[in-house]
């Protein structure tokens, strides 16, 4: 099974991450696991790519981070979680609209066999 080139998908990493955060807040490892699973392992996001996306999106106001304490039973550890903001939801919608146009344009340059 082949994987998608990170160059091809780079401009849509934010969209992918925001899609996951639309459901509920989450943390880095869990988000990367979901991306791998949802894409049927065709896209595996690198940790550095993921965390630089978090930093950029937080700076732009698309997500916000918070630290969650371990549960009351003492299991787990402190984790930084991320949640989407209203501004992030608007950005996600604009990237989805952009994707529709992108697909339409690129499709004109794909030759069928």
PDB file of N, CA and C in Angstrom:
ATOM      1  N   UNK A   1       0.851  -1.181   0.000  1.00  0.00           N
ATOM      2  CA  UNK A   1       0.000   0.000   0.000  1.00  0.00           C
ATOM      3  C   UNK A   1       0.893   1.240   0.000  1.00  0.00           C
ATOM      4  N   UNK A   2       0.618   2.160  -0.875  1.00  0.00           N
ATOM      5  CA  UNK A   2       1.442   3.361  -0.926  1.00  0.00           C
ATOM      6  C   UNK A   2       0.833   4.467  -0.068  1.00  0.00           C
ATOM      7  N   UNK A   3       1.713   5.362   0.347  1.00  0.00           N
ATOM      8  CA  UNK A   3       1.280   6.502   1.143  1.00  0.00           C
ATOM      9  C   UNK A   3       1.316   7.747   0.285  1.00  0.00           C
ATOM     10  N   UNK A   4       0.511   8.724   0.667  1.00  0.00           N
ATOM     11  CA  UNK A   4       0.470   9.986  -0.060  1.00  0.00           C
ATOM     12  C   UNK A   4       1.707  10.817   0.295  1.00  0.00           C
ATOM     13  N   UNK A   5       2.240  11.525  -0.672  1.00  0.00           N
ATOM     14  CA  UNK A   5       3.394  12.389  -0.453  1.00  0.00           C
ATOM     15  C   UNK A   5       2.988  13.553   0.460  1.00  0.00           C
ATOM     16  N   UNK A   6       3.842  13.848   1.436  1.00  0.00           N
ATOM     17  CA  UNK A   6       3.527  14.961   2.342  1.00  0.00           C
ATOM     18  C   UNK A   6       3.498  16.287   1.580  1.00  0.00           C
ATOM     19  N   UNK A   7       4.222  16.386   0.453  1.00  0.00           N
ATOM     20  CA  UNK A   7       4.178  17.607  -0.358  1.00  0.00           C
ATOM     21  C   UNK A   7       2.786  17.846  -0.932  1.00  0.00           C
ATOM     22  N   UNK A   8       2.129  16.764  -1.318  1.00  0.00           N
ATOM     23  CA  UNK A   8       0.807  16.877  -1.933  1.00  0.00           C
ATOM     24  C   UNK A   8      -0.215  17.379  -0.924  1.00  0.00           C
ATOM     25  N   UNK A   9      -0.108  16.942   0.291  1.00  0.00           N
ATOM     26  CA  UNK A   9      -1.148  17.193   1.284  1.00  0.00           C
ATOM     27  C   UNK A   9      -0.835  18.346   2.229  1.00  0.00           C
ATOM     28  N   UNK A  10       0.372  18.871   2.172  1.00  0.00           N
ATOM     29  CA  UNK A  10       0.836  19.891   3.120  1.00  0.00           C
ATOM     30  C   UNK A  10      -0.166  21.025   3.344  1.00  0.00           C
ATOM     31  N   UNK A  11      -0.740  21.540   2.296  1.00  0.00           N
ATOM     32  CA  UNK A  11      -1.668  22.666   2.421  1.00  0.00           C
ATOM     33  C   UNK A  11      -2.984  22.313   3.084  1.00  0.00           C
ATOM     34  N   UNK A  12      -3.194  21.035   3.340  1.00  0.00           N
ATOM     35  CA  UNK A  12      -4.461  20.606   3.943  1.00  0.00           C
ATOM     36  C   UNK A  12      -4.284  19.955   5.311  1.00  0.00           C
ATOM     37  N   UNK A  13      -3.086  20.035   5.881  1.00  0.00           N
ATOM     38  CA  UNK A  13      -2.885  19.500   7.223  1.00  0.00           C
ATOM     39  C   UNK A  13      -3.812  20.180   8.230  1.00  0.00           C
ATOM     40  N   UNK A  14      -3.945  21.501   8.133  1.00  0.00           N
ATOM     41  CA  UNK A  14      -4.823  22.219   9.055  1.00  0.00           C
ATOM     42  C   UNK A  14      -6.258  21.712   8.922  1.00  0.00           C
ATOM     43  N   UNK A  15      -6.699  21.521   7.694  1.00  0.00           N
ATOM     44  CA  UNK A  15      -8.062  21.046   7.440  1.00  0.00           C
ATOM     45  C   UNK A  15      -8.275  19.686   8.088  1.00  0.00           C
ATOM     46  N   UNK A  16      -7.306  18.810   7.933  1.00  0.00           N
ATOM     47  CA  UNK A  16      -7.391  17.458   8.484  1.00  0.00           C
ATOM     48  C   UNK A  16      -7.471  17.502  10.012  1.00  0.00           C
ATOM     49  N   UNK A  17      -6.609  18.302  10.622  1.00  0.00           N
ATOM     50  CA  UNK A  17      -6.586  18.418  12.082  1.00  0.00           C
ATOM     51  C   UNK A  17      -7.889  19.044  12.584  1.00  0.00           C
ATOM     52  N   UNK A  18      -8.341  20.093  11.921  1.00  0.00           N
ATOM     53  CA  UNK A  18      -9.580  20.751  12.348  1.00  0.00           C
ATOM     54  C   UNK A  18     -10.779  19.821  12.207  1.00  0.00           C
ATOM     55  N   UNK A  19     -10.776  18.995  11.179  1.00  0.00           N
ATOM     56  CA  UNK A  19     -11.852  18.011  10.997  1.00  0.00           C
ATOM     57  C   UNK A  19     -11.979  17.137  12.250  1.00  0.00           C
ATOM     58  N   UNK A  20     -10.846  16.677  12.745  1.00  0.00           N
ATOM     59  CA  UNK A  20     -10.843  15.821  13.932  1.00  0.00           C
ATOM     60  C   UNK A  20     -11.297  16.600  15.163  1.00  0.00           C
ATOM     61  N   UNK A  21     -10.849  17.850  15.279  1.00  0.00           N
ATOM     62  CA  UNK A  21     -11.206  18.653  16.443  1.00  0.00           C
ATOM     63  C   UNK A  21     -12.662  19.130  16.421  1.00  0.00           C
ATOM     64  N   UNK A  22     -13.328  19.025  15.263  1.00  0.00           N
ATOM     65  CA  UNK A  22     -14.752  19.386  15.196  1.00  0.00           C
ATOM     66  C   UNK A  22     -15.563  18.440  16.082  1.00  0.00           C
ATOM     67  N   UNK A  23     -15.100  17.204  16.243  1.00  0.00           N
ATOM     68  CA  UNK A  23     -15.817  16.209  17.045  1.00  0.00           C
ATOM     69  C   UNK A  23     -15.663  16.480  18.536  1.00  0.00           C
ATOM     70  N   UNK A  24     -14.412  16.652  18.961  1.00  0.00           N
ATOM     71  CA  UNK A  24     -14.130  16.892  20.380  1.00  0.00           C
ATOM     72  C   UNK A  24     -12.671  17.305  20.538  1.00  0.00           C
ATOM     73  N   UNK A  25     -12.339  17.946  21.658  1.00  0.00           N
ATOM     74  CA  UNK A  25     -10.932  18.279  21.898  1.00  0.00           C
ATOM     75  C   UNK A  25     -10.094  17.001  21.924  1.00  0.00           C
ATOM     76  N   UNK A  26      -8.835  17.130  21.546  1.00  0.00           N
ATOM     77  CA  UNK A  26      -7.965  15.966  21.526  1.00  0.00           C
ATOM     78  C   UNK A  26      -6.518  16.409  21.690  1.00  0.00           C
ATOM     79  N   UNK A  27      -5.611  15.447  21.788  1.00  0.00           N
ATOM     80  CA  UNK A  27      -4.186  15.732  21.965  1.00  0.00           C
ATOM     81  C   UNK A  27      -3.396  15.117  20.815  1.00  0.00           C
ATOM     82  N   UNK A  28      -2.155  15.526  20.699  1.00  0.00           N
ATOM     83  CA  UNK A  28      -1.325  15.191  19.553  1.00  0.00           C
ATOM     84  C   UNK A  28      -1.292  13.741  19.132  1.00  0.00           C
ATOM     85  N   UNK A  29      -0.945  12.857  20.052  1.00  0.00           N
ATOM     86  CA  UNK A  29      -0.807  11.448  19.685  1.00  0.00           C
ATOM     87  C   UNK A  29      -2.134  10.881  19.174  1.00  0.00           C
ATOM     88  N   UNK A  30      -3.211  11.211  19.867  1.00  0.00           N
ATOM     89  CA  UNK A  30      -4.528  10.707  19.476  1.00  0.00           C
ATOM     90  C   UNK A  30      -4.924  11.243  18.090  1.00  0.00           C
ATOM     91  N   UNK A  31      -4.630  12.501  17.823  1.00  0.00           N
ATOM     92  CA  UNK A  31      -4.941  13.097  16.518  1.00  0.00           C
ATOM     93  C   UNK A  31      -4.153  12.391  15.415  1.00  0.00           C
ATOM     94  N   UNK A  32      -2.855  12.159  15.644  1.00  0.00           N
ATOM     95  CA  UNK A  32      -2.048  11.487  14.605  1.00  0.00           C
ATOM     96  C   UNK A  32      -2.556  10.067  14.364  1.00  0.00           C
ATOM     97  N   UNK A  33      -2.990   9.387  15.429  1.00  0.00           N
ATOM     98  CA  UNK A  33      -3.537   8.045  15.308  1.00  0.00           C
ATOM     99  C   UNK A  33      -4.837   8.073  14.486  1.00  0.00           C
ATOM    100  N   UNK A  34      -5.680   9.057  14.742  1.00  0.00           N
ATOM    101  CA  UNK A  34      -6.931   9.167  13.996  1.00  0.00           C
ATOM    102  C   UNK A  34      -6.673   9.456  12.520  1.00  0.00           C
ATOM    103  N   UNK A  35      -5.713  10.325  12.230  1.00  0.00           N
ATOM    104  CA  UNK A  35      -5.381  10.643  10.832  1.00  0.00           C
ATOM    105  C   UNK A  35      -4.943   9.369  10.107  1.00  0.00           C
ATOM    106  N   UNK A  36      -4.087   8.618  10.750  1.00  0.00           N
ATOM    107  CA  UNK A  36      -3.601   7.362  10.170  1.00  0.00           C
ATOM    108  C   UNK A  36      -4.762   6.403   9.922  1.00  0.00           C
ATOM    109  N   UNK A  37      -5.656   6.278  10.890  1.00  0.00           N
ATOM    110  CA  UNK A  37      -6.788   5.363  10.770  1.00  0.00           C
ATOM    111  C   UNK A  37      -7.807   5.803   9.727  1.00  0.00           C
ATOM    112  N   UNK A  38      -8.193   7.069   9.768  1.00  0.00           N
ATOM    113  CA  UNK A  38      -9.206   7.581   8.832  1.00  0.00           C
ATOM    114  C   UNK A  38      -8.706   7.474   7.392  1.00  0.00           C
ATOM    115  N   UNK A  39      -7.394   7.685   7.201  1.00  0.00           N
ATOM    116  CA  UNK A  39      -6.820   7.636   5.847  1.00  0.00           C
ATOM    117  C   UNK A  39      -6.442   6.212   5.431  1.00  0.00           C
ATOM    118  N   UNK A  40      -6.834   5.221   6.217  1.00  0.00           N
ATOM    119  CA  UNK A  40      -6.450   3.829   5.943  1.00  0.00           C
ATOM    120  C   UNK A  40      -4.933   3.691   5.788  1.00  0.00           C
ATOM    121  N   UNK A  41      -4.220   4.423   6.616  1.00  0.00           N
ATOM    122  CA  UNK A  41      -2.755   4.423   6.659  1.00  0.00           C
ATOM    123  C   UNK A  41      -2.099   4.947   5.380  1.00  0.00           C
ATOM    124  N   UNK A  42      -2.855   5.660   4.560  1.00  0.00           N
ATOM    125  CA  UNK A  42      -2.280   6.269   3.352  1.00  0.00           C
ATOM    126  C   UNK A  42      -1.607   7.596   3.676  1.00  0.00           C
ATOM    127  N   UNK A  43      -1.939   8.165   4.835  1.00  0.00           N
ATOM    128  CA  UNK A  43      -1.279   9.398   5.274  1.00  0.00           C
ATOM    129  C   UNK A  43      -0.922   9.273   6.742  1.00  0.00           C
ATOM    130  N   UNK A  44       0.364   9.389   7.019  1.00  0.00           N
ATOM    131  CA  UNK A  44       0.869   9.383   8.390  1.00  0.00           C
ATOM    132  C   UNK A  44       1.537  10.735   8.598  1.00  0.00           C
ATOM    133  N   UNK A  45       0.975  11.540   9.491  1.00  0.00           N
ATOM    134  CA  UNK A  45       1.514  12.878   9.718  1.00  0.00           C
ATOM    135  C   UNK A  45       2.708  12.782  10.671  1.00  0.00           C
ATOM    136  N   UNK A  46       3.777  13.481  10.332  1.00  0.00           N
ATOM    137  CA  UNK A  46       4.967  13.478  11.179  1.00  0.00           C
ATOM    138  C   UNK A  46       4.689  14.320  12.418  1.00  0.00           C
ATOM    139  N   UNK A  47       5.302  13.921  13.525  1.00  0.00           N
ATOM    140  CA  UNK A  47       5.102  14.640  14.785  1.00  0.00           C
ATOM    141  C   UNK A  47       5.492  16.110  14.661  1.00  0.00           C
ATOM    142  N   UNK A  48       6.616  16.390  14.006  1.00  0.00           N
ATOM    143  CA  UNK A  48       7.045  17.793  13.858  1.00  0.00           C
ATOM    144  C   UNK A  48       6.034  18.585  13.039  1.00  0.00           C
ATOM    145  N   UNK A  49       5.472  17.970  12.015  1.00  0.00           N
ATOM    146  CA  UNK A  49       4.462  18.625  11.180  1.00  0.00           C
ATOM    147  C   UNK A  49       3.219  18.921  12.004  1.00  0.00           C
ATOM    148  N   UNK A  50       2.806  17.970  12.806  1.00  0.00           N
ATOM    149  CA  UNK A  50       1.618  18.113  13.637  1.00  0.00           C
ATOM    150  C   UNK A  50       1.782  19.249  14.639  1.00  0.00           C
ATOM    151  N   UNK A  51       2.888  19.257  15.351  1.00  0.00           N
ATOM    152  CA  UNK A  51       3.075  20.271  16.391  1.00  0.00           C
ATOM    153  C   UNK A  51       3.341  21.654  15.811  1.00  0.00           C
ATOM    154  N   UNK A  52       3.958  21.747  14.650  1.00  0.00           N
ATOM    155  CA  UNK A  52       4.107  23.067  14.038  1.00  0.00           C
ATOM    156  C   UNK A  52       2.747  23.573  13.552  1.00  0.00           C
ATOM    157  N   UNK A  53       1.871  22.655  13.115  1.00  0.00           N
ATOM    158  CA  UNK A  53       0.500  23.047  12.734  1.00  0.00           C
ATOM    159  C   UNK A  53      -0.260  23.545  13.959  1.00  0.00           C
ATOM    160  N   UNK A  54      -0.111  22.860  15.100  1.00  0.00           N
ATOM    161  CA  UNK A  54      -0.772  23.320  16.330  1.00  0.00           C
ATOM    162  C   UNK A  54      -0.324  24.738  16.677  1.00  0.00           C
ATOM    163  N   UNK A  55       0.988  24.965  16.633  1.00  0.00           N
ATOM    164  CA  UNK A  55       1.539  26.278  16.981  1.00  0.00           C
ATOM    165  C   UNK A  55       0.990  27.359  16.048  1.00  0.00           C
ATOM    166  N   UNK A  56       1.011  27.095  14.754  1.00  0.00           N
ATOM    167  CA  UNK A  56       0.531  28.059  13.759  1.00  0.00           C
ATOM    168  C   UNK A  56      -0.965  28.330  13.933  1.00  0.00           C
ATOM    169  N   UNK A  57      -1.742  27.268  14.093  1.00  0.00           N
ATOM    170  CA  UNK A  57      -3.191  27.449  14.202  1.00  0.00           C
ATOM    171  C   UNK A  57      -3.584  28.135  15.508  1.00  0.00           C
ATOM    172  N   UNK A  58      -2.843  27.867  16.565  1.00  0.00           N
ATOM    173  CA  UNK A  58      -3.140  28.553  17.827  1.00  0.00           C
ATOM    174  C   UNK A  58      -2.819  30.042  17.702  1.00  0.00           C
ATOM    175  N   UNK A  59      -1.692  30.343  17.053  1.00  0.00           N
ATOM    176  CA  UNK A  59      -1.297  31.743  16.829  1.00  0.00           C
ATOM    177  C   UNK A  59      -2.353  32.478  15.988  1.00  0.00           C
ATOM    178  N   UNK A  60      -2.959  31.768  15.018  1.00  0.00           N
ATOM    179  CA  UNK A  60      -3.978  32.369  14.154  1.00  0.00           C
ATOM    180  C   UNK A  60      -5.373  32.378  14.774  1.00  0.00           C
ATOM    181  N   UNK A  61      -5.495  31.773  15.958  1.00  0.00           N
ATOM    182  CA  UNK A  61      -6.781  31.781  16.648  1.00  0.00           C
ATOM    183  C   UNK A  61      -7.760  30.710  16.176  1.00  0.00           C
ATOM    184  N   UNK A  62      -7.268  29.678  15.467  1.00  0.00           N
ATOM    185  CA  UNK A  62      -8.145  28.612  14.965  1.00  0.00           C
ATOM    186  C   UNK A  62      -8.377  27.518  16.005  1.00  0.00           C
ATOM    187  N   UNK A  63      -7.410  27.358  16.912  1.00  0.00           N
ATOM    188  CA  UNK A  63      -7.535  26.378  17.990  1.00  0.00           C
ATOM    189  C   UNK A  63      -7.032  27.033  19.263  1.00  0.00           C
ATOM    190  N   UNK A  64      -7.371  26.419  20.390  1.00  0.00           N
ATOM    191  CA  UNK A  64      -6.789  26.838  21.661  1.00  0.00           C
ATOM    192  C   UNK A  64      -6.375  25.582  22.413  1.00  0.00           C
ATOM    193  N   UNK A  65      -5.336  25.731  23.219  1.00  0.00           N
ATOM    194  CA  UNK A  65      -4.835  24.579  23.961  1.00  0.00           C
ATOM    195  C   UNK A  65      -5.186  24.722  25.436  1.00  0.00           C
ATOM    196  N   UNK A  66      -5.258  23.584  26.094  1.00  0.00           N
ATOM    197  CA  UNK A  66      -5.460  23.561  27.542  1.00  0.00           C
ATOM    198  C   UNK A  66      -4.821  22.286  28.068  1.00  0.00           C
ATOM    199  N   UNK A  67      -4.435  22.324  29.328  1.00  0.00           N
ATOM    200  CA  UNK A  67      -3.790  21.161  29.940  1.00  0.00           C
ATOM    201  C   UNK A  67      -4.837  20.419  30.752  1.00  0.00           C
ATOM    202  N   UNK A  68      -4.934  19.130  30.504  1.00  0.00           N
ATOM    203  CA  UNK A  68      -5.852  18.273  31.255  1.00  0.00           C
ATOM    204  C   UNK A  68      -5.047  17.486  32.278  1.00  0.00           C
ATOM    205  N   UNK A  69      -5.541  17.508  33.481  1.00  0.00           N
ATOM    206  CA  UNK A  69      -4.899  16.771  34.575  1.00  0.00           C
ATOM    207  C   UNK A  69      -5.225  15.276  34.435  1.00  0.00           C
ATOM    208  N   UNK A  70      -4.437  14.429  35.062  1.00  0.00           N
ATOM    209  CA  UNK A  70      -4.767  12.998  35.074  1.00  0.00           C
ATOM    210  C   UNK A  70      -6.136  12.788  35.715  1.00  0.00           C
ATOM    211  N   UNK A  71      -6.810  11.713  35.386  1.00  0.00           N
ATOM    212  CA  UNK A  71      -8.136  11.469  35.958  1.00  0.00           C
ATOM    213  C   UNK A  71      -8.045  11.213  37.461  1.00  0.00           C
ATOM    214  N   UNK A  72      -9.182  11.202  38.116  1.00  0.00           N
ATOM    215  CA  UNK A  72      -9.230  11.122  39.581  1.00  0.00           C
ATOM    216  C   UNK A  72      -8.609   9.845  40.137  1.00  0.00           C
ATOM    217  N   UNK A  73      -8.542   8.802  39.319  1.00  0.00           N
ATOM    218  CA  UNK A  73      -7.929   7.555  39.788  1.00  0.00           C
ATOM    219  C   UNK A  73      -6.405   7.636  39.739  1.00  0.00           C
ATOM    220  N   UNK A  74      -5.892   8.758  39.226  1.00  0.00           N
ATOM    221  CA  UNK A  74      -4.444   8.919  39.140  1.00  0.00           C
ATOM    222  C   UNK A  74      -3.844   8.301  37.904  1.00  0.00           C
ATOM    223  N   UNK A  75      -4.693   7.739  37.040  1.00  0.00           N
ATOM    224  CA  UNK A  75      -4.198   7.147  35.793  1.00  0.00           C
ATOM    225  C   UNK A  75      -3.895   8.253  34.792  1.00  0.00           C
ATOM    226  N   UNK A  76      -3.031   7.955  33.888  1.00  0.00           N
ATOM    227  CA  UNK A  76      -2.713   8.906  32.825  1.00  0.00           C
ATOM    228  C   UNK A  76      -1.703   9.934  33.286  1.00  0.00           C
ATOM    229  N   UNK A  77      -1.529  10.952  32.463  1.00  0.00           N
ATOM    230  CA  UNK A  77      -0.580  12.019  32.773  1.00  0.00           C
ATOM    231  C   UNK A  77      -1.156  13.333  32.266  1.00  0.00           C
ATOM    232  N   UNK A  78      -0.516  14.417  32.658  1.00  0.00           N
ATOM    233  CA  UNK A  78      -0.941  15.727  32.159  1.00  0.00           C
ATOM    234  C   UNK A  78      -0.761  15.748  30.650  1.00  0.00           C
ATOM    235  N   UNK A  79      -1.760  16.211  29.940  1.00  0.00           N
ATOM    236  CA  UNK A  79      -1.662  16.292  28.480  1.00  0.00           C
ATOM    237  C   UNK A  79      -2.140  17.652  28.014  1.00  0.00           C
ATOM    238  N   UNK A  80      -1.531  18.123  26.938  1.00  0.00           N
ATOM    239  CA  UNK A  80      -2.019  19.339  26.301  1.00  0.00           C
ATOM    240  C   UNK A  80      -3.046  18.927  25.259  1.00  0.00           C
ATOM    241  N   UNK A  81      -4.250  19.412  25.425  1.00  0.00           N
ATOM    242  CA  UNK A  81      -5.340  19.159  24.488  1.00  0.00           C
ATOM    243  C   UNK A  81      -5.553  20.399  23.646  1.00  0.00           C
ATOM    244  N   UNK A  82      -6.185  20.197  22.499  1.00  0.00           N
ATOM    245  CA  UNK A  82      -6.516  21.298  21.597  1.00  0.00           C
ATOM    246  C   UNK A  82      -7.995  21.241  21.274  1.00  0.00           C
ATOM    247  N   UNK A  83      -8.605  22.411  21.166  1.00  0.00           N
ATOM    248  CA  UNK A  83     -10.012  22.487  20.755  1.00  0.00           C
ATOM    249  C   UNK A  83     -10.144  23.556  19.681  1.00  0.00           C
ATOM    250  N   UNK A  84     -11.097  23.351  18.790  1.00  0.00           N
ATOM    251  CA  UNK A  84     -11.335  24.290  17.696  1.00  0.00           C
ATOM    252  C   UNK A  84     -12.110  25.502  18.225  1.00  0.00           C
ATOM    253  N   UNK A  85     -11.823  26.669  17.681  1.00  0.00           N
ATOM    254  CA  UNK A  85     -12.536  27.890  18.048  1.00  0.00           C
ATOM    255  C   UNK A  85     -13.557  28.210  16.949  1.00  0.00           C
ATOM    256  N   UNK A  86     -14.399  29.201  17.188  1.00  0.00           N
ATOM    257  CA  UNK A  86     -15.348  29.628  16.153  1.00  0.00           C
ATOM    258  C   UNK A  86     -14.597  30.097  14.910  1.00  0.00           C
ATOM    259  N   UNK A  87     -13.506  30.803  15.133  1.00  0.00           N
ATOM    260  CA  UNK A  87     -12.680  31.256  14.002  1.00  0.00           C
ATOM    261  C   UNK A  87     -12.109  30.061  13.235  1.00  0.00           C
ATOM    262  N   UNK A  88     -11.746  29.016  13.971  1.00  0.00           N
ATOM    263  CA  UNK A  88     -11.234  27.787  13.360  1.00  0.00           C
ATOM    264  C   UNK A  88     -12.301  27.098  12.529  1.00  0.00           C
ATOM    265  N   UNK A  89     -13.549  27.130  13.001  1.00  0.00           N
ATOM    266  CA  UNK A  89     -14.657  26.532  12.239  1.00  0.00           C
ATOM    267  C   UNK A  89     -14.877  27.278  10.922  1.00  0.00           C
ATOM    268  N   UNK A  90     -14.752  28.601  10.970  1.00  0.00           N
ATOM    269  CA  UNK A  90     -14.878  29.399   9.742  1.00  0.00           C
ATOM    270  C   UNK A  90     -13.737  29.076   8.774  1.00  0.00           C
ATOM    271  N   UNK A  91     -12.521  28.979   9.309  1.00  0.00           N
ATOM    272  CA  UNK A  91     -11.355  28.649   8.492  1.00  0.00           C
ATOM    273  C   UNK A  91     -11.511  27.264   7.870  1.00  0.00           C
ATOM    274  N   UNK A  92     -11.989  26.308   8.648  1.00  0.00           N
ATOM    275  CA  UNK A  92     -12.219  24.945   8.151  1.00  0.00           C
ATOM    276  C   UNK A  92     -13.183  24.985   6.966  1.00  0.00           C
ATOM    277  N   UNK A  93     -14.271  25.711   7.109  1.00  0.00           N
ATOM    278  CA  UNK A  93     -15.276  25.815   6.033  1.00  0.00           C
ATOM    279  C   UNK A  93     -14.640  26.428   4.784  1.00  0.00           C
ATOM    280  N   UNK A  94     -13.830  27.462   4.942  1.00  0.00           N
ATOM    281  CA  UNK A  94     -13.190  28.105   3.779  1.00  0.00           C
ATOM    282  C   UNK A  94     -12.207  27.148   3.098  1.00  0.00           C
ATOM    283  N   UNK A  95     -11.497  26.324   3.885  1.00  0.00           N
ATOM    284  CA  UNK A  95     -10.576  25.349   3.297  1.00  0.00           C
ATOM    285  C   UNK A  95     -11.339  24.246   2.562  1.00  0.00           C
ATOM    286  N   UNK A  96     -12.514  23.863   3.064  1.00  0.00           N
ATOM    287  CA  UNK A  96     -13.344  22.869   2.370  1.00  0.00           C
ATOM    288  C   UNK A  96     -13.834  23.430   1.032  1.00  0.00           C
ATOM    289  N   UNK A  97     -14.241  24.697   1.029  1.00  0.00           N
ATOM    290  CA  UNK A  97     -14.670  25.348  -0.217  1.00  0.00           C
ATOM    291  C   UNK A  97     -13.503  25.417  -1.200  1.00  0.00           C
ATOM    292  N   UNK A  98     -12.324  25.794  -0.696  1.00  0.00           N
ATOM    293  CA  UNK A  98     -11.120  25.863  -1.525  1.00  0.00           C
ATOM    294  C   UNK A  98     -10.805  24.485  -2.122  1.00  0.00           C
ATOM    295  N   UNK A  99     -10.980  23.430  -1.337  1.00  0.00           N
ATOM    296  CA  UNK A  99     -10.694  22.075  -1.798  1.00  0.00           C
ATOM    297  C   UNK A  99     -11.584  21.707  -2.983  1.00  0.00           C
ATOM    298  N   UNK A 100     -12.839  22.075  -2.929  1.00  0.00           N
ATOM    299  CA  UNK A 100     -13.756  21.764  -4.032  1.00  0.00           C
ATOM    300  C   UNK A 100     -13.262  22.390  -5.334  1.00  0.00           C
ATOM    301  N   UNK A 101     -12.797  23.613  -5.268  1.00  0.00           N
ATOM    302  CA  UNK A 101     -12.270  24.311  -6.453  1.00  0.00           C
ATOM    303  C   UNK A 101     -10.964  23.640  -6.900  1.00  0.00           C
ATOM    304  N   UNK A 102     -10.106  23.308  -5.946  1.00  0.00           N
ATOM    305  CA  UNK A 102      -8.828  22.646  -6.249  1.00  0.00           C
ATOM    306  C   UNK A 102      -9.068  21.338  -6.988  1.00  0.00           C
ATOM    307  N   UNK A 103      -9.985  20.521  -6.466  1.00  0.00           N
ATOM    308  CA  UNK A 103     -10.294  19.232  -7.129  1.00  0.00           C
ATOM    309  C   UNK A 103     -10.777  19.472  -8.558  1.00  0.00           C
ATOM    310  N   UNK A 104     -11.639  20.456  -8.730  1.00  0.00           N
ATOM    311  CA  UNK A 104     -12.196  20.757 -10.051  1.00  0.00           C
ATOM    312  C   UNK A 104     -11.088  21.129 -11.034  1.00  0.00           C
ATOM    313  N   UNK A 105     -10.160  21.953 -10.592  1.00  0.00           N
ATOM    314  CA  UNK A 105      -9.065  22.397 -11.462  1.00  0.00           C
ATOM    315  C   UNK A 105      -8.110  21.238 -11.768  1.00  0.00           C
ATOM    316  N   UNK A 106      -7.650  20.534 -10.752  1.00  0.00           N
ATOM    317  CA  UNK A 106      -6.681  19.449 -10.951  1.00  0.00           C
ATOM    318  C   UNK A 106      -7.270  18.346 -11.825  1.00  0.00           C
ATOM    319  N   UNK A 107      -8.550  18.059 -11.658  1.00  0.00           N
ATOM    320  CA  UNK A 107      -9.204  17.011 -12.438  1.00  0.00           C
ATOM    321  C   UNK A 107      -9.090  17.271 -13.942  1.00  0.00           C
ATOM    322  N   UNK A 108      -9.027  18.542 -14.320  1.00  0.00           N
ATOM    323  CA  UNK A 108      -8.903  18.907 -15.736  1.00  0.00           C
ATOM    324  C   UNK A 108      -7.543  18.489 -16.307  1.00  0.00           C
ATOM    325  N   UNK A 109      -6.580  18.221 -15.406  1.00  0.00           N
ATOM    326  CA  UNK A 109      -5.232  17.853 -15.847  1.00  0.00           C
ATOM    327  C   UNK A 109      -4.895  16.390 -15.604  1.00  0.00           C
ATOM    328  N   UNK A 110      -5.874  15.591 -15.239  1.00  0.00           N
ATOM    329  CA  UNK A 110      -5.663  14.169 -14.992  1.00  0.00           C
ATOM    330  C   UNK A 110      -6.190  13.390 -16.183  1.00  0.00           C
ATOM    331  N   UNK A 111      -5.317  12.617 -16.791  1.00  0.00           N
ATOM    332  CA  UNK A 111      -5.729  11.812 -17.944  1.00  0.00           C
ATOM    333  C   UNK A 111      -6.206  10.457 -17.493  1.00  0.00           C
ATOM    334  N   UNK A 112      -7.355  10.052 -17.954  1.00  0.00           N
ATOM    335  CA  UNK A 112      -7.841   8.717 -17.670  1.00  0.00           C
ATOM    336  C   UNK A 112      -7.130   7.710 -18.534  1.00  0.00           C
ATOM    337  N   UNK A 113      -7.019   6.513 -18.074  1.00  0.00           N
ATOM    338  CA  UNK A 113      -6.333   5.465 -18.869  1.00  0.00           C
ATOM    339  C   UNK A 113      -7.247   4.932 -19.933  1.00  0.00           C
TER     340      UNK A 113
END
